[in-house]
Structure formats: C-alpha cells, structure tokens
Amino acid sequence: MSNAEKARELLAGALNVSVQEVDSSTMIGVTQQWDSLAHMRLMLALEETLGSELDMEAVVNIASLSDVEAMLPVVERD
C-alpha cells in the first residue's frame, strides 16, 4: 500500500466516510465531517500507525490529505 493510499484510508476512517470520498480537496474547514472529534480520531490513528505520539505542533498543522500523507514514513519498494 502506498503512502497516498494509507493516508486516504486513515483519513476516511477518522471522518467515517468511504475512501472514495477522500481526495485532495478534503481539508479542515472545507470538509463538513472533519470536526474536532474526527481530528482526534485521525491523530490517534496516526499515532498507532507510527508507533509514537505526535507532538502538539504536528497535531495542529495537519489540515489536509497531503498533510496526513507527509506524516507517514517513506516506504521503500523493491
């Protein structure tokens, strides 16, 4: 699974929408489902995926699908 796919999956889960509904226009302030509770679910999912806690700066700076993808480690492929 690519980082883009994983980011879409994590964000869709946090927003309680299908993966197909998540795209580059999915952002805080634009996407109705992305409220404070959804943001907390996303942070918890990211922390679980990364295996570590996010610092406060990272938490407040995640506002779009591309921000979620940027949080994921680079996956090297053969």
PDB file of N, CA and C in Angstrom:
ATOM      1  N   MET A   1       0.859  -1.176   0.000  1.00  0.00           N
ATOM      2  CA  MET A   1       0.000   0.000   0.000  1.00  0.00           C
ATOM      3  C   MET A   1       0.903   1.235   0.000  1.00  0.00           C
ATOM      4  N   SER A   2       0.626   2.161  -0.884  1.00  0.00           N
ATOM      5  CA  SER A   2       1.410   3.393  -0.951  1.00  0.00           C
ATOM      6  C   SER A   2       1.034   4.331   0.200  1.00  0.00           C
ATOM      7  N   ASN A   3       1.887   5.318   0.450  1.00  0.00           N
ATOM      8  CA  ASN A   3       1.581   6.297   1.486  1.00  0.00           C
ATOM      9  C   ASN A   3       0.311   7.068   1.156  1.00  0.00           C
ATOM     10  N   ALA A   4       0.091   7.368  -0.116  1.00  0.00           N
ATOM     11  CA  ALA A   4      -1.118   8.091  -0.512  1.00  0.00           C
ATOM     12  C   ALA A   4      -2.360   7.272  -0.182  1.00  0.00           C
ATOM     13  N   GLU A   5      -2.313   5.980  -0.473  1.00  0.00           N
ATOM     14  CA  GLU A   5      -3.444   5.102  -0.172  1.00  0.00           C
ATOM     15  C   GLU A   5      -3.656   4.969   1.333  1.00  0.00           C
ATOM     16  N   LYS A   6      -2.558   4.833   2.086  1.00  0.00           N
ATOM     17  CA  LYS A   6      -2.658   4.706   3.537  1.00  0.00           C
ATOM     18  C   LYS A   6      -3.226   5.989   4.144  1.00  0.00           C
ATOM     19  N   ALA A   7      -2.781   7.144   3.653  1.00  0.00           N
ATOM     20  CA  ALA A   7      -3.279   8.424   4.157  1.00  0.00           C
ATOM     21  C   ALA A   7      -4.778   8.553   3.890  1.00  0.00           C
ATOM     22  N   ARG A   8      -5.211   8.175   2.696  1.00  0.00           N
ATOM     23  CA  ARG A   8      -6.648   8.225   2.364  1.00  0.00           C
ATOM     24  C   ARG A   8      -7.436   7.300   3.282  1.00  0.00           C
ATOM     25  N   GLU A   9      -6.894   6.113   3.536  1.00  0.00           N
ATOM     26  CA  GLU A   9      -7.570   5.141   4.401  1.00  0.00           C
ATOM     27  C   GLU A   9      -7.692   5.673   5.833  1.00  0.00           C
ATOM     28  N   LEU A  10      -6.605   6.234   6.368  1.00  0.00           N
ATOM     29  CA  LEU A  10      -6.637   6.771   7.730  1.00  0.00           C
ATOM     30  C   LEU A  10      -7.623   7.930   7.844  1.00  0.00           C
ATOM     31  N   LEU A  11      -7.590   8.833   6.878  1.00  0.00           N
ATOM     32  CA  LEU A  11      -8.479   9.988   6.922  1.00  0.00           C
ATOM     33  C   LEU A  11      -9.933   9.578   6.743  1.00  0.00           C
ATOM     34  N   ALA A  12     -10.189   8.656   5.828  1.00  0.00           N
ATOM     35  CA  ALA A  12     -11.561   8.170   5.632  1.00  0.00           C
ATOM     36  C   ALA A  12     -12.105   7.544   6.909  1.00  0.00           C
ATOM     37  N   GLY A  13     -11.284   6.755   7.587  1.00  0.00           N
ATOM     38  CA  GLY A  13     -11.707   6.136   8.842  1.00  0.00           C
ATOM     39  C   GLY A  13     -12.034   7.177   9.903  1.00  0.00           C
ATOM     40  N   ALA A  14     -11.196   8.192  10.000  1.00  0.00           N
ATOM     41  CA  ALA A  14     -11.417   9.241  11.003  1.00  0.00           C
ATOM     42  C   ALA A  14     -12.677  10.047  10.712  1.00  0.00           C
ATOM     43  N   LEU A  15     -12.960  10.245   9.422  1.00  0.00           N
ATOM     44  CA  LEU A  15     -14.122  11.044   9.026  1.00  0.00           C
ATOM     45  C   LEU A  15     -15.397  10.210   8.910  1.00  0.00           C
ATOM     46  N   ASN A  16     -15.259   8.895   9.034  1.00  0.00           N
ATOM     47  CA  ASN A  16     -16.394   7.979   8.851  1.00  0.00           C
ATOM     48  C   ASN A  16     -17.036   8.117   7.475  1.00  0.00           C
ATOM     49  N   VAL A  17     -16.176   8.152   6.436  1.00  0.00           N
ATOM     50  CA  VAL A  17     -16.631   8.203   5.053  1.00  0.00           C
ATOM     51  C   VAL A  17     -15.888   7.118   4.279  1.00  0.00           C
ATOM     52  N   SER A  18     -16.308   6.859   3.058  1.00  0.00           N
ATOM     53  CA  SER A  18     -15.609   5.877   2.237  1.00  0.00           C
ATOM     54  C   SER A  18     -14.304   6.474   1.709  1.00  0.00           C
ATOM     55  N   VAL A  19     -13.366   5.612   1.404  1.00  0.00           N
ATOM     56  CA  VAL A  19     -12.077   6.051   0.864  1.00  0.00           C
ATOM     57  C   VAL A  19     -12.281   6.839  -0.428  1.00  0.00           C
ATOM     58  N   GLN A  20     -13.289   6.476  -1.190  1.00  0.00           N
ATOM     59  CA  GLN A  20     -13.563   7.170  -2.457  1.00  0.00           C
ATOM     60  C   GLN A  20     -13.977   8.626  -2.245  1.00  0.00           C
ATOM     61  N   GLU A  21     -14.449   8.963  -1.057  1.00  0.00           N
ATOM     62  CA  GLU A  21     -14.875  10.333  -0.764  1.00  0.00           C
ATOM     63  C   GLU A  21     -13.722  11.237  -0.333  1.00  0.00           C
ATOM     64  N   VAL A  22     -12.544  10.655  -0.136  1.00  0.00           N
ATOM     65  CA  VAL A  22     -11.385  11.423   0.316  1.00  0.00           C
ATOM     66  C   VAL A  22     -10.486  11.720  -0.884  1.00  0.00           C
ATOM     67  N   ASP A  23     -10.209  13.002  -1.106  1.00  0.00           N
ATOM     68  CA  ASP A  23      -9.317  13.404  -2.188  1.00  0.00           C
ATOM     69  C   ASP A  23      -8.566  14.662  -1.786  1.00  0.00           C
ATOM     70  N   SER A  24      -7.896  15.282  -2.731  1.00  0.00           N
ATOM     71  CA  SER A  24      -7.054  16.445  -2.408  1.00  0.00           C
ATOM     72  C   SER A  24      -7.856  17.640  -1.899  1.00  0.00           C
ATOM     73  N   SER A  25      -9.158  17.627  -2.081  1.00  0.00           N
ATOM     74  CA  SER A  25      -9.983  18.739  -1.583  1.00  0.00           C
ATOM     75  C   SER A  25     -10.472  18.504  -0.157  1.00  0.00           C
ATOM     76  N   THR A  26     -10.126  17.358   0.436  1.00  0.00           N
ATOM     77  CA  THR A  26     -10.538  17.043   1.798  1.00  0.00           C
ATOM     78  C   THR A  26      -9.647  17.816   2.771  1.00  0.00           C
ATOM     79  N   MET A  27     -10.245  18.810   3.444  1.00  0.00           N
ATOM     80  CA  MET A  27      -9.474  19.681   4.343  1.00  0.00           C
ATOM     81  C   MET A  27     -10.341  20.151   5.506  1.00  0.00           C
ATOM     82  N   ILE A  28      -9.657  20.515   6.594  1.00  0.00           N
ATOM     83  CA  ILE A  28     -10.340  21.156   7.719  1.00  0.00           C
ATOM     84  C   ILE A  28     -10.943  22.462   7.208  1.00  0.00           C
ATOM     85  N   GLY A  29     -12.143  22.755   7.641  1.00  0.00           N
ATOM     86  CA  GLY A  29     -12.796  24.000   7.238  1.00  0.00           C
ATOM     87  C   GLY A  29     -13.530  23.900   5.914  1.00  0.00           C
ATOM     88  N   VAL A  30     -13.262  22.843   5.175  1.00  0.00           N
ATOM     89  CA  VAL A  30     -13.919  22.620   3.879  1.00  0.00           C
ATOM     90  C   VAL A  30     -14.796  21.375   3.949  1.00  0.00           C
ATOM     91  N   THR A  31     -14.266  20.339   4.566  1.00  0.00           N
ATOM     92  CA  THR A  31     -14.964  19.058   4.667  1.00  0.00           C
ATOM     93  C   THR A  31     -15.802  19.046   5.939  1.00  0.00           C
ATOM     94  N   GLN A  32     -17.107  18.968   5.763  1.00  0.00           N
ATOM     95  CA  GLN A  32     -18.029  19.054   6.892  1.00  0.00           C
ATOM     96  C   GLN A  32     -17.745  18.013   7.968  1.00  0.00           C
ATOM     97  N   GLN A  33     -17.380  16.819   7.578  1.00  0.00           N
ATOM     98  CA  GLN A  33     -17.159  15.741   8.538  1.00  0.00           C
ATOM     99  C   GLN A  33     -15.888  15.937   9.376  1.00  0.00           C
ATOM    100  N   TRP A  34     -14.986  16.824   8.931  1.00  0.00           N
ATOM    101  CA  TRP A  34     -13.713  16.999   9.636  1.00  0.00           C
ATOM    102  C   TRP A  34     -13.894  18.003  10.764  1.00  0.00           C
ATOM    103  N   ASP A  35     -14.425  17.514  11.866  1.00  0.00           N
ATOM    104  CA  ASP A  35     -14.616  18.343  13.059  1.00  0.00           C
ATOM    105  C   ASP A  35     -13.564  17.957  14.093  1.00  0.00           C
ATOM    106  N   SER A  36     -13.663  18.504  15.292  1.00  0.00           N
ATOM    107  CA  SER A  36     -12.643  18.249  16.306  1.00  0.00           C
ATOM    108  C   SER A  36     -12.578  16.777  16.709  1.00  0.00           C
ATOM    109  N   LEU A  37     -13.697  16.097  16.737  1.00  0.00           N
ATOM    110  CA  LEU A  37     -13.706  14.679  17.080  1.00  0.00           C
ATOM    111  C   LEU A  37     -13.026  13.857  15.985  1.00  0.00           C
ATOM    112  N   ALA A  38     -13.318  14.170  14.737  1.00  0.00           N
ATOM    113  CA  ALA A  38     -12.673  13.474  13.617  1.00  0.00           C
ATOM    114  C   ALA A  38     -11.169  13.723  13.640  1.00  0.00           C
ATOM    115  N   HIS A  39     -10.777  14.944  13.987  1.00  0.00           N
ATOM    116  CA  HIS A  39      -9.349  15.270  14.054  1.00  0.00           C
ATOM    117  C   HIS A  39      -8.679  14.429  15.142  1.00  0.00           C
ATOM    118  N   MET A  40      -9.326  14.260  16.263  1.00  0.00           N
ATOM    119  CA  MET A  40      -8.773  13.435  17.337  1.00  0.00           C
ATOM    120  C   MET A  40      -8.669  11.974  16.892  1.00  0.00           C
ATOM    121  N   ARG A  41      -9.690  11.474  16.212  1.00  0.00           N
ATOM    122  CA  ARG A  41      -9.624  10.095  15.700  1.00  0.00           C
ATOM    123  C   ARG A  41      -8.461   9.940  14.729  1.00  0.00           C
ATOM    124  N   LEU A  42      -8.242  10.953  13.887  1.00  0.00           N
ATOM    125  CA  LEU A  42      -7.136  10.912  12.941  1.00  0.00           C
ATOM    126  C   LEU A  42      -5.800  10.897  13.668  1.00  0.00           C
ATOM    127  N   MET A  43      -5.649  11.735  14.681  1.00  0.00           N
ATOM    128  CA  MET A  43      -4.396  11.784  15.436  1.00  0.00           C
ATOM    129  C   MET A  43      -4.114  10.434  16.095  1.00  0.00           C
ATOM    130  N   LEU A  44      -5.132   9.826  16.684  1.00  0.00           N
ATOM    131  CA  LEU A  44      -4.959   8.522  17.318  1.00  0.00           C
ATOM    132  C   LEU A  44      -4.576   7.457  16.294  1.00  0.00           C
ATOM    133  N   ALA A  45      -5.195   7.490  15.120  1.00  0.00           N
ATOM    134  CA  ALA A  45      -4.874   6.526  14.063  1.00  0.00           C
ATOM    135  C   ALA A  45      -3.442   6.726  13.569  1.00  0.00           C
ATOM    136  N   LEU A  46      -3.033   7.972  13.422  1.00  0.00           N
ATOM    137  CA  LEU A  46      -1.653   8.252  13.000  1.00  0.00           C
ATOM    138  C   LEU A  46      -0.657   7.778  14.048  1.00  0.00           C
ATOM    139  N   GLU A  47      -0.941   8.050  15.312  1.00  0.00           N
ATOM    140  CA  GLU A  47      -0.043   7.615  16.374  1.00  0.00           C
ATOM    141  C   GLU A  47       0.079   6.092  16.409  1.00  0.00           C
ATOM    142  N   GLU A  48      -1.030   5.416  16.207  1.00  0.00           N
ATOM    143  CA  GLU A  48      -0.999   3.954  16.176  1.00  0.00           C
ATOM    144  C   GLU A  48      -0.184   3.463  14.986  1.00  0.00           C
ATOM    145  N   THR A  49      -0.373   4.076  13.845  1.00  0.00           N
ATOM    146  CA  THR A  49       0.356   3.695  12.637  1.00  0.00           C
ATOM    147  C   THR A  49       1.852   3.957  12.781  1.00  0.00           C
ATOM    148  N   LEU A  50       2.206   5.095  13.374  1.00  0.00           N
ATOM    149  CA  LEU A  50       3.608   5.480  13.521  1.00  0.00           C
ATOM    150  C   LEU A  50       4.286   4.811  14.714  1.00  0.00           C
ATOM    151  N   GLY A  51       3.479   4.365  15.672  1.00  0.00           N
ATOM    152  CA  GLY A  51       4.033   3.740  16.856  1.00  0.00           C
ATOM    153  C   GLY A  51       4.639   4.726  17.834  1.00  0.00           C
ATOM    154  N   SER A  52       4.236   5.992  17.733  1.00  0.00           N
ATOM    155  CA  SER A  52       4.727   7.011  18.661  1.00  0.00           C
ATOM    156  C   SER A  52       3.733   8.161  18.741  1.00  0.00           C
ATOM    157  N   GLU A  53       3.856   8.955  19.812  1.00  0.00           N
ATOM    158  CA  GLU A  53       2.972  10.104  19.980  1.00  0.00           C
ATOM    159  C   GLU A  53       3.390  11.239  19.063  1.00  0.00           C
ATOM    160  N   LEU A  54       2.411  11.975  18.582  1.00  0.00           N
ATOM    161  CA  LEU A  54       2.674  13.170  17.780  1.00  0.00           C
ATOM    162  C   LEU A  54       2.877  14.347  18.709  1.00  0.00           C
ATOM    163  N   ASP A  55       3.760  15.262  18.331  1.00  0.00           N
ATOM    164  CA  ASP A  55       3.909  16.456  19.155  1.00  0.00           C
ATOM    165  C   ASP A  55       2.793  17.445  18.803  1.00  0.00           C
ATOM    166  N   MET A  56       2.561  18.392  19.687  1.00  0.00           N
ATOM    167  CA  MET A  56       1.437  19.323  19.537  1.00  0.00           C
ATOM    168  C   MET A  56       1.512  20.109  18.233  1.00  0.00           C
ATOM    169  N   GLU A  57       2.699  20.488  17.815  1.00  0.00           N
ATOM    170  CA  GLU A  57       2.847  21.240  16.565  1.00  0.00           C
ATOM    171  C   GLU A  57       2.353  20.425  15.372  1.00  0.00           C
ATOM    172  N   ALA A  58       2.696  19.148  15.351  1.00  0.00           N
ATOM    173  CA  ALA A  58       2.237  18.277  14.269  1.00  0.00           C
ATOM    174  C   ALA A  58       0.722  18.157  14.288  1.00  0.00           C
ATOM    175  N   VAL A  59       0.157  18.004  15.467  1.00  0.00           N
ATOM    176  CA  VAL A  59      -1.297  17.854  15.605  1.00  0.00           C
ATOM    177  C   VAL A  59      -2.039  19.054  15.030  1.00  0.00           C
ATOM    178  N   VAL A  60      -1.595  20.244  15.352  1.00  0.00           N
ATOM    179  CA  VAL A  60      -2.314  21.435  14.886  1.00  0.00           C
ATOM    180  C   VAL A  60      -2.016  21.779  13.430  1.00  0.00           C
ATOM    181  N   ASN A  61      -0.938  21.238  12.881  1.00  0.00           N
ATOM    182  CA  ASN A  61      -0.585  21.557  11.498  1.00  0.00           C
ATOM    183  C   ASN A  61      -1.182  20.607  10.471  1.00  0.00           C
ATOM    184  N   ILE A  62      -1.839  19.547  10.900  1.00  0.00           N
ATOM    185  CA  ILE A  62      -2.463  18.625   9.952  1.00  0.00           C
ATOM    186  C   ILE A  62      -3.844  19.152   9.598  1.00  0.00           C
ATOM    187  N   ALA A  63      -3.997  19.557   8.347  1.00  0.00           N
ATOM    188  CA  ALA A  63      -5.255  20.169   7.916  1.00  0.00           C
ATOM    189  C   ALA A  63      -5.719  19.690   6.543  1.00  0.00           C
ATOM    190  N   SER A  64      -5.005  18.725   5.950  1.00  0.00           N
ATOM    191  CA  SER A  64      -5.376  18.258   4.620  1.00  0.00           C
ATOM    192  C   SER A  64      -4.882  16.830   4.406  1.00  0.00           C
ATOM    193  N   LEU A  65      -5.359  16.218   3.352  1.00  0.00           N
ATOM    194  CA  LEU A  65      -4.915  14.871   3.000  1.00  0.00           C
ATOM    195  C   LEU A  65      -3.409  14.855   2.775  1.00  0.00           C
ATOM    196  N   SER A  66      -2.871  15.846   2.100  1.00  0.00           N
ATOM    197  CA  SER A  66      -1.426  15.868   1.845  1.00  0.00           C
ATOM    198  C   SER A  66      -0.632  15.984   3.141  1.00  0.00           C
ATOM    199  N   ASP A  67      -1.171  16.682   4.153  1.00  0.00           N
ATOM    200  CA  ASP A  67      -0.509  16.762   5.457  1.00  0.00           C
ATOM    201  C   ASP A  67      -0.466  15.385   6.126  1.00  0.00           C
ATOM    202  N   VAL A  68      -1.545  14.636   6.005  1.00  0.00           N
ATOM    203  CA  VAL A  68      -1.589  13.281   6.570  1.00  0.00           C
ATOM    204  C   VAL A  68      -0.541  12.410   5.876  1.00  0.00           C
ATOM    205  N   GLU A  69      -0.496  12.489   4.564  1.00  0.00           N
ATOM    206  CA  GLU A  69       0.475  11.686   3.814  1.00  0.00           C
ATOM    207  C   GLU A  69       1.906  12.048   4.206  1.00  0.00           C
ATOM    208  N   ALA A  70       2.174  13.320   4.417  1.00  0.00           N
ATOM    209  CA  ALA A  70       3.518  13.770   4.788  1.00  0.00           C
ATOM    210  C   ALA A  70       3.960  13.232   6.149  1.00  0.00           C
ATOM    211  N   MET A  71       3.009  12.875   6.989  1.00  0.00           N
ATOM    212  CA  MET A  71       3.334  12.331   8.316  1.00  0.00           C
ATOM    213  C   MET A  71       3.801  10.883   8.247  1.00  0.00           C
ATOM    214  N   LEU A  72       3.468  10.190   7.180  1.00  0.00           N
ATOM    215  CA  LEU A  72       3.794   8.774   7.070  1.00  0.00           C
ATOM    216  C   LEU A  72       5.239   8.592   6.615  1.00  0.00           C
ATOM    217  N   PRO A  73       5.927   7.579   7.151  1.00  0.00           N
ATOM    218  CA  PRO A  73       7.314   7.357   6.754  1.00  0.00           C
ATOM    219  C   PRO A  73       7.390   6.925   5.287  1.00  0.00           C
ATOM    220  N   VAL A  74       8.495   7.272   4.668  1.00  0.00           N
ATOM    221  CA  VAL A  74       8.701   6.890   3.268  1.00  0.00           C
ATOM    222  C   VAL A  74       8.890   5.379   3.229  1.00  0.00           C
ATOM    223  N   VAL A  75       8.125   4.748   2.366  1.00  0.00           N
ATOM    224  CA  VAL A  75       8.192   3.302   2.219  1.00  0.00           C
ATOM    225  C   VAL A  75       9.003   3.000   0.973  1.00  0.00           C
ATOM    226  N   GLU A  76      10.100   2.275   1.162  1.00  0.00           N
ATOM    227  CA  GLU A  76      10.925   1.899   0.011  1.00  0.00           C
ATOM    228  C   GLU A  76      10.385   0.622  -0.584  1.00  0.00           C
ATOM    229  N   ARG A  77      10.368   0.591  -1.892  1.00  0.00           N
ATOM    230  CA  ARG A  77       9.841  -0.573  -2.604  1.00  0.00           C
ATOM    231  C   ARG A  77      10.958  -1.205  -3.415  1.00  0.00           C
ATOM    232  N   ASP A  78      10.872  -2.504  -3.570  1.00  0.00           N
ATOM    233  CA  ASP A  78      11.881  -3.224  -4.380  1.00  0.00           C
ATOM    234  C   ASP A  78      11.593  -3.054  -5.844  1.00  0.00           C
TER     235      ASP A  78
END
